[in-house]
Every structure is written in C-alpha cells, then in structure tokens.
Amino acid sequence: MAINRRIDIARLMALGTQEHFAQSAIEEATGSPYGETLPDVQEDLRRPGDPGLNLDQFQNPYRTVMYSVVGLDTAIPTRALPGNSKRCYLLVQNLGPGNLFLGIGVDPNVGGGNVLNLITTQVYEQIGGGTLMPDGTTWMSAFVSSEYISLLTDTSGTAAMILEGSYSPQYAQYQFR
C-alpha cells in the first residue's frame, strides 16, 4: 500500500544544507567574491535551491526540438523551420565550413545583405522569458520571433543546427496537492 505524503520542503532544505566550498582555484586563493559586502549571499549558498512547485504529476509544458540542416544551397534559400506562434526559444549554429546567412521572416539573398551573417561555429540565440502560473496560464516577458527561419550559404557543404523551444499547453496538466 502506497502512502501519499507531502514533501516537507523546510526539512529537505535543512538536511541539504552544507558548508560553502570554493568553486574555483581563484576563489580558493582570494576568498569569496561576495566578501564582506554581501554576507547574505554567502549564507544562501549553503542551502540547496528551491525544488519548485509541489505538484503531483507535473509535466513540463515546454518542449525542445533539435534540427540538423544539411544540403544548404548557395543560390536558393532553404526554409529550415516554418513559423511557430508557440516558439519561446531559438538557437541557430553555423556548423561550417562556410558562412551562414540567416533570415527570420525573410529569405536571405546571395551575399547576405538583408540578414544575419554567421561565420563558422558562430551562434545566434533568442531567449524568451515568462512564467508558468499555477492555473496553467503563462505570462510572457521577452520576445522570440514566431516567423519562419530561412538559411543560405556561400560554400557548398555548409550545415546548421537549430534548437527550437516551444510552449505546448496540452502538456500543462497537473494537480495541486
């Protein structure tokens, strides 16, 4: 028979408290970067972070998908991702060997005059922000473009990696204890 108990957050935090230890050789040699000016920070570092909402069967409503884009053309733009109104994170990395011309809501032209130009291994990132409220609604506080993503290169064989995070409300089903 299973016993359904609440997690005692205060007890868990007390049991998880540990002495602070240096995070780097520099801190070990010179002392805490917070020093005497911020004594509360040093005390906070002894306690583990808040484990979050105390919910049964919580499922994260955010999903991340990674796309590998190969076979990019040097003359005709490739629409790598369609528009996504639920996009809340975007990362595009040029895997090389050539330059990558990135258009967001626009198709890049040869030479990349109207778009972002990414050299080999360079990354472009849009980070959205927001909060998942206890009633399942969200409050957005930062911008991530919902438009299509189009790519072009100046060197055959150039590839890209795209990471897209989206809000999927069908996964936001949980029960409060």
C-alpha atoms as a PDB file:
ATOM      1  CA  MET A   1       0.000   0.000   0.000  1.00  0.00           C
ATOM      2  CA  ALA A   2       1.482   3.322  -1.086  1.00  0.00           C
ATOM      3  CA  ILE A   3       1.406   6.265   1.282  1.00  0.00           C
ATOM      4  CA  ASN A   4       0.908   9.617  -0.415  1.00  0.00           C
ATOM      5  CA  ARG A   5       2.771  12.205   1.711  1.00  0.00           C
ATOM      6  CA  ARG A   6       3.697  15.789   1.084  1.00  0.00           C
ATOM      7  CA  ILE A   7       7.354  16.616   0.822  1.00  0.00           C
ATOM      8  CA  ASP A   8       8.443  18.723   3.787  1.00  0.00           C
ATOM      9  CA  ILE A   9      10.370  21.434   1.928  1.00  0.00           C
ATOM     10  CA  ALA A  10      11.721  23.094   5.104  1.00  0.00           C
ATOM     11  CA  ARG A  11      13.120  19.772   6.383  1.00  0.00           C
ATOM     12  CA  LEU A  12      14.558  18.939   2.969  1.00  0.00           C
ATOM     13  CA  MET A  13      16.289  22.341   2.805  1.00  0.00           C
ATOM     14  CA  ALA A  14      17.730  21.884   6.333  1.00  0.00           C
ATOM     15  CA  LEU A  15      19.024  18.391   5.553  1.00  0.00           C
ATOM     16  CA  GLY A  16      20.564  19.627   2.312  1.00  0.00           C
ATOM     17  CA  THR A  17      22.496  22.482   3.923  1.00  0.00           C
ATOM     18  CA  GLN A  18      26.247  22.190   3.525  1.00  0.00           C
ATOM     19  CA  GLU A  19      29.266  24.316   4.204  1.00  0.00           C
ATOM     20  CA  HIS A  20      30.246  26.518   1.295  1.00  0.00           C
ATOM     21  CA  PHE A  21      33.350  25.441  -0.596  1.00  0.00           C
ATOM     22  CA  ALA A  22      35.361  27.337  -3.185  1.00  0.00           C
ATOM     23  CA  GLN A  23      34.027  26.993  -6.728  1.00  0.00           C
ATOM     24  CA  SER A  24      37.361  27.700  -8.409  1.00  0.00           C
ATOM     25  CA  ALA A  25      41.081  27.951  -7.677  1.00  0.00           C
ATOM     26  CA  ILE A  26      40.777  31.740  -7.831  1.00  0.00           C
ATOM     27  CA  GLU A  27      38.088  31.749  -5.143  1.00  0.00           C
ATOM     28  CA  GLU A  28      40.158  29.335  -3.073  1.00  0.00           C
ATOM     29  CA  ALA A  29      43.175  31.648  -3.261  1.00  0.00           C
ATOM     30  CA  THR A  30      41.416  35.007  -2.850  1.00  0.00           C
ATOM     31  CA  GLY A  31      38.296  34.153  -0.889  1.00  0.00           C
ATOM     32  CA  SER A  32      34.620  34.635  -1.631  1.00  0.00           C
ATOM     33  CA  PRO A  33      33.832  37.069  -4.453  1.00  0.00           C
ATOM     34  CA  TYR A  34      30.988  38.383  -2.270  1.00  0.00           C
ATOM     35  CA  GLY A  35      33.251  39.084   0.700  1.00  0.00           C
ATOM     36  CA  GLU A  36      32.036  41.333   3.469  1.00  0.00           C
ATOM     37  CA  THR A  37      29.770  43.380   1.210  1.00  0.00           C
ATOM     38  CA  LEU A  38      27.072  40.716   0.723  1.00  0.00           C
ATOM     39  CA  PRO A  39      27.033  38.386   3.777  1.00  0.00           C
ATOM     40  CA  ASP A  40      23.516  37.120   2.961  1.00  0.00           C
ATOM     41  CA  VAL A  41      24.726  35.674  -0.329  1.00  0.00           C
ATOM     42  CA  GLN A  42      27.283  33.501   1.445  1.00  0.00           C
ATOM     43  CA  GLU A  43      24.540  32.122   3.719  1.00  0.00           C
ATOM     44  CA  ASP A  44      22.244  31.482   0.747  1.00  0.00           C
ATOM     45  CA  LEU A  45      24.991  29.488  -0.978  1.00  0.00           C
ATOM     46  CA  ARG A  46      24.855  26.954   1.880  1.00  0.00           C
ATOM     47  CA  ARG A  47      21.262  25.970   1.068  1.00  0.00           C
ATOM     48  CA  PRO A  48      20.069  23.997  -1.944  1.00  0.00           C
ATOM     49  CA  GLY A  49      17.818  25.711  -4.436  1.00  0.00           C
ATOM     50  CA  ASP A  50      14.038  25.563  -4.069  1.00  0.00           C
ATOM     51  CA  PRO A  51      12.893  22.381  -5.827  1.00  0.00           C
ATOM     52  CA  GLY A  52       9.927  24.269  -7.297  1.00  0.00           C
ATOM     53  CA  LEU A  53       6.211  23.713  -7.333  1.00  0.00           C
ATOM     54  CA  ASN A  54       4.917  20.977  -5.055  1.00  0.00           C
ATOM     55  CA  LEU A  55       2.659  19.309  -7.629  1.00  0.00           C
ATOM     56  CA  ASP A  56       1.519  15.775  -8.354  1.00  0.00           C
ATOM     57  CA  GLN A  57       2.257  14.521 -11.857  1.00  0.00           C
ATOM     58  CA  PHE A  58       3.753  17.791 -13.102  1.00  0.00           C
ATOM     59  CA  GLN A  59       4.638  17.697 -16.783  1.00  0.00           C
ATOM     60  CA  ASN A  60       6.752  20.490 -18.206  1.00  0.00           C
ATOM     61  CA  PRO A  61       4.711  22.313 -20.892  1.00  0.00           C
ATOM     62  CA  TYR A  62       7.858  23.387 -22.766  1.00  0.00           C
ATOM     63  CA  ARG A  63       9.400  21.139 -25.420  1.00  0.00           C
ATOM     64  CA  THR A  64      12.740  21.423 -27.216  1.00  0.00           C
ATOM     65  CA  VAL A  65      13.478  20.001 -30.663  1.00  0.00           C
ATOM     66  CA  MET A  66      16.891  19.921 -32.341  1.00  0.00           C
ATOM     67  CA  TYR A  67      17.119  20.088 -36.141  1.00  0.00           C
ATOM     68  CA  SER A  68      20.171  19.300 -38.252  1.00  0.00           C
ATOM     69  CA  VAL A  69      20.085  21.228 -41.541  1.00  0.00           C
ATOM     70  CA  VAL A  70      22.306  19.889 -44.315  1.00  0.00           C
ATOM     71  CA  GLY A  71      22.434  20.395 -48.073  1.00  0.00           C
ATOM     72  CA  LEU A  72      22.164  24.173 -47.914  1.00  0.00           C
ATOM     73  CA  ASP A  73      22.277  25.895 -51.295  1.00  0.00           C
ATOM     74  CA  THR A  74      24.492  28.776 -52.371  1.00  0.00           C
ATOM     75  CA  ALA A  75      21.785  30.379 -54.561  1.00  0.00           C
ATOM     76  CA  ILE A  76      18.338  29.272 -53.354  1.00  0.00           C
ATOM     77  CA  PRO A  77      17.365  29.866 -49.684  1.00  0.00           C
ATOM     78  CA  THR A  78      16.211  26.881 -47.623  1.00  0.00           C
ATOM     79  CA  ARG A  79      13.236  27.408 -45.329  1.00  0.00           C
ATOM     80  CA  ALA A  80      14.568  25.396 -42.416  1.00  0.00           C
ATOM     81  CA  LEU A  81      11.672  25.993 -39.994  1.00  0.00           C
ATOM     82  CA  PRO A  82       8.103  27.148 -40.536  1.00  0.00           C
ATOM     83  CA  GLY A  83       6.618  29.907 -38.422  1.00  0.00           C
ATOM     84  CA  ASN A  84       5.666  28.873 -34.884  1.00  0.00           C
ATOM     85  CA  SER A  85       3.479  31.087 -32.695  1.00  0.00           C
ATOM     86  CA  LYS A  86       4.380  28.996 -29.623  1.00  0.00           C
ATOM     87  CA  ARG A  87       8.164  29.375 -30.080  1.00  0.00           C
ATOM     88  CA  CYS A  88       9.836  30.598 -26.891  1.00  0.00           C
ATOM     89  CA  TYR A  89      13.489  29.777 -27.620  1.00  0.00           C
ATOM     90  CA  LEU A  90      15.610  29.754 -30.767  1.00  0.00           C
ATOM     91  CA  LEU A  91      19.259  28.890 -31.334  1.00  0.00           C
ATOM     92  CA  VAL A  92      20.936  28.640 -34.744  1.00  0.00           C
ATOM     93  CA  GLN A  93      24.559  27.484 -35.052  1.00  0.00           C
ATOM     94  CA  ASN A  94      26.680  27.553 -38.192  1.00  0.00           C
ATOM     95  CA  LEU A  95      28.499  24.205 -38.355  1.00  0.00           C
ATOM     96  CA  GLY A  96      30.590  25.380 -41.325  1.00  0.00           C
ATOM     97  CA  PRO A  97      32.640  25.234 -43.384  1.00  0.00           C
ATOM     98  CA  GLY A  98      31.253  28.415 -44.998  1.00  0.00           C
ATOM     99  CA  ASN A  99      29.294  31.451 -43.872  1.00  0.00           C
ATOM    100  CA  LEU A 100      25.617  31.058 -42.999  1.00  0.00           C
ATOM    101  CA  PHE A 101      23.086  33.732 -43.924  1.00  0.00           C
ATOM    102  CA  LEU A 102      20.115  33.613 -41.536  1.00  0.00           C
ATOM    103  CA  GLY A 103      16.771  35.177 -42.397  1.00  0.00           C
ATOM    104  CA  ILE A 104      13.950  35.404 -39.869  1.00  0.00           C
ATOM    105  CA  GLY A 105      10.729  36.028 -41.716  1.00  0.00           C
ATOM    106  CA  VAL A 106      12.713  36.875 -44.856  1.00  0.00           C
ATOM    107  CA  ASP A 107      14.616  34.796 -47.406  1.00  0.00           C
ATOM    108  CA  PRO A 108      18.320  35.711 -47.477  1.00  0.00           C
ATOM    109  CA  ASN A 109      19.881  36.873 -50.700  1.00  0.00           C
ATOM    110  CA  VAL A 110      23.249  35.841 -52.096  1.00  0.00           C
ATOM    111  CA  GLY A 111      25.889  37.707 -50.127  1.00  0.00           C
ATOM    112  CA  GLY A 112      23.630  38.053 -47.109  1.00  0.00           C
ATOM    113  CA  GLY A 113      22.952  41.779 -47.378  1.00  0.00           C
ATOM    114  CA  ASN A 114      19.490  41.657 -45.774  1.00  0.00           C
ATOM    115  CA  VAL A 115      20.056  39.110 -42.983  1.00  0.00           C
ATOM    116  CA  LEU A 116      22.303  37.970 -40.132  1.00  0.00           C
ATOM    117  CA  ASN A 117      25.694  36.639 -41.227  1.00  0.00           C
ATOM    118  CA  LEU A 118      27.108  33.829 -39.090  1.00  0.00           C
ATOM    119  CA  ILE A 119      30.700  32.700 -39.559  1.00  0.00           C
ATOM    120  CA  THR A 120      31.719  29.091 -38.872  1.00  0.00           C
ATOM    121  CA  THR A 121      30.801  27.950 -35.333  1.00  0.00           C
ATOM    122  CA  GLN A 122      29.021  31.241 -34.601  1.00  0.00           C
ATOM    123  CA  VAL A 123      25.674  31.029 -32.794  1.00  0.00           C
ATOM    124  CA  TYR A 124      22.559  33.213 -32.889  1.00  0.00           C
ATOM    125  CA  GLU A 125      20.185  32.877 -29.940  1.00  0.00           C
ATOM    126  CA  GLN A 126      16.816  34.335 -28.929  1.00  0.00           C
ATOM    127  CA  ILE A 127      15.822  33.598 -25.357  1.00  0.00           C
ATOM    128  CA  GLY A 128      12.208  34.079 -24.397  1.00  0.00           C
ATOM    129  CA  GLY A 129      11.079  34.619 -20.889  1.00  0.00           C
ATOM    130  CA  GLY A 130       7.990  34.092 -18.906  1.00  0.00           C
ATOM    131  CA  THR A 131       6.379  32.309 -16.055  1.00  0.00           C
ATOM    132  CA  LEU A 132       4.074  29.325 -15.828  1.00  0.00           C
ATOM    133  CA  MET A 133       1.344  30.343 -13.391  1.00  0.00           C
ATOM    134  CA  PRO A 134      -0.295  27.794 -11.030  1.00  0.00           C
ATOM    135  CA  ASP A 135      -3.551  27.958 -13.003  1.00  0.00           C
ATOM    136  CA  GLY A 136      -1.703  26.827 -16.168  1.00  0.00           C
ATOM    137  CA  THR A 137      -1.598  30.216 -17.889  1.00  0.00           C
ATOM    138  CA  THR A 138       1.648  31.831 -18.946  1.00  0.00           C
ATOM    139  CA  TRP A 139       2.966  35.333 -18.627  1.00  0.00           C
ATOM    140  CA  MET A 140       5.454  36.198 -21.339  1.00  0.00           C
ATOM    141  CA  SER A 141       8.099  38.827 -20.664  1.00  0.00           C
ATOM    142  CA  ALA A 142      10.538  38.592 -23.587  1.00  0.00           C
ATOM    143  CA  PHE A 143      10.367  38.395 -27.365  1.00  0.00           C
ATOM    144  CA  VAL A 144      11.192  35.409 -29.575  1.00  0.00           C
ATOM    145  CA  SER A 145      10.298  35.661 -33.247  1.00  0.00           C
ATOM    146  CA  SER A 146       7.497  33.388 -34.411  1.00  0.00           C
ATOM    147  CA  GLU A 147       8.356  33.851 -38.102  1.00  0.00           C
ATOM    148  CA  TYR A 148       9.876  31.270 -40.436  1.00  0.00           C
ATOM    149  CA  ILE A 149      13.635  30.615 -40.456  1.00  0.00           C
ATOM    150  CA  SER A 150      15.416  30.666 -43.805  1.00  0.00           C
ATOM    151  CA  LEU A 151      19.074  29.803 -44.497  1.00  0.00           C
ATOM    152  CA  LEU A 152      21.580  30.304 -47.312  1.00  0.00           C
ATOM    153  CA  THR A 153      25.330  29.713 -47.512  1.00  0.00           C
ATOM    154  CA  ASP A 154      28.288  30.843 -49.591  1.00  0.00           C
ATOM    155  CA  THR A 155      30.070  27.450 -49.507  1.00  0.00           C
ATOM    156  CA  SER A 156      28.651  24.074 -50.569  1.00  0.00           C
ATOM    157  CA  GLY A 157      28.539  21.555 -47.738  1.00  0.00           C
ATOM    158  CA  THR A 158      27.815  24.135 -45.025  1.00  0.00           C
ATOM    159  CA  ALA A 159      25.433  22.804 -42.384  1.00  0.00           C
ATOM    160  CA  ALA A 160      23.495  24.302 -39.489  1.00  0.00           C
ATOM    161  CA  MET A 161      21.986  23.143 -36.217  1.00  0.00           C
ATOM    162  CA  ILE A 162      18.763  24.675 -34.950  1.00  0.00           C
ATOM    163  CA  LEU A 163      17.328  24.275 -31.467  1.00  0.00           C
ATOM    164  CA  GLU A 164      13.707  25.378 -31.054  1.00  0.00           C
ATOM    165  CA  GLY A 165      11.789  25.537 -27.786  1.00  0.00           C
ATOM    166  CA  SER A 166       8.002  25.715 -27.870  1.00  0.00           C
ATOM    167  CA  TYR A 167       5.200  26.045 -25.347  1.00  0.00           C
ATOM    168  CA  SER A 168       2.825  23.081 -25.600  1.00  0.00           C
ATOM    169  CA  PRO A 169      -0.194  23.710 -23.367  1.00  0.00           C
ATOM    170  CA  GLN A 170      -1.504  20.146 -23.783  1.00  0.00           C
ATOM    171  CA  TYR A 171       1.387  19.065 -21.542  1.00  0.00           C
ATOM    172  CA  ALA A 172       0.442  21.520 -18.773  1.00  0.00           C
ATOM    173  CA  GLN A 173      -1.792  19.091 -16.920  1.00  0.00           C
ATOM    174  CA  TYR A 174      -1.126  18.741 -13.232  1.00  0.00           C
ATOM    175  CA  GLN A 175      -2.918  18.699  -9.921  1.00  0.00           C
ATOM    176  CA  PHE A 176      -2.187  20.762  -6.826  1.00  0.00           C
ATOM    177  CA  ARG A 177      -1.740  18.946  -3.534  1.00  0.00           C
END
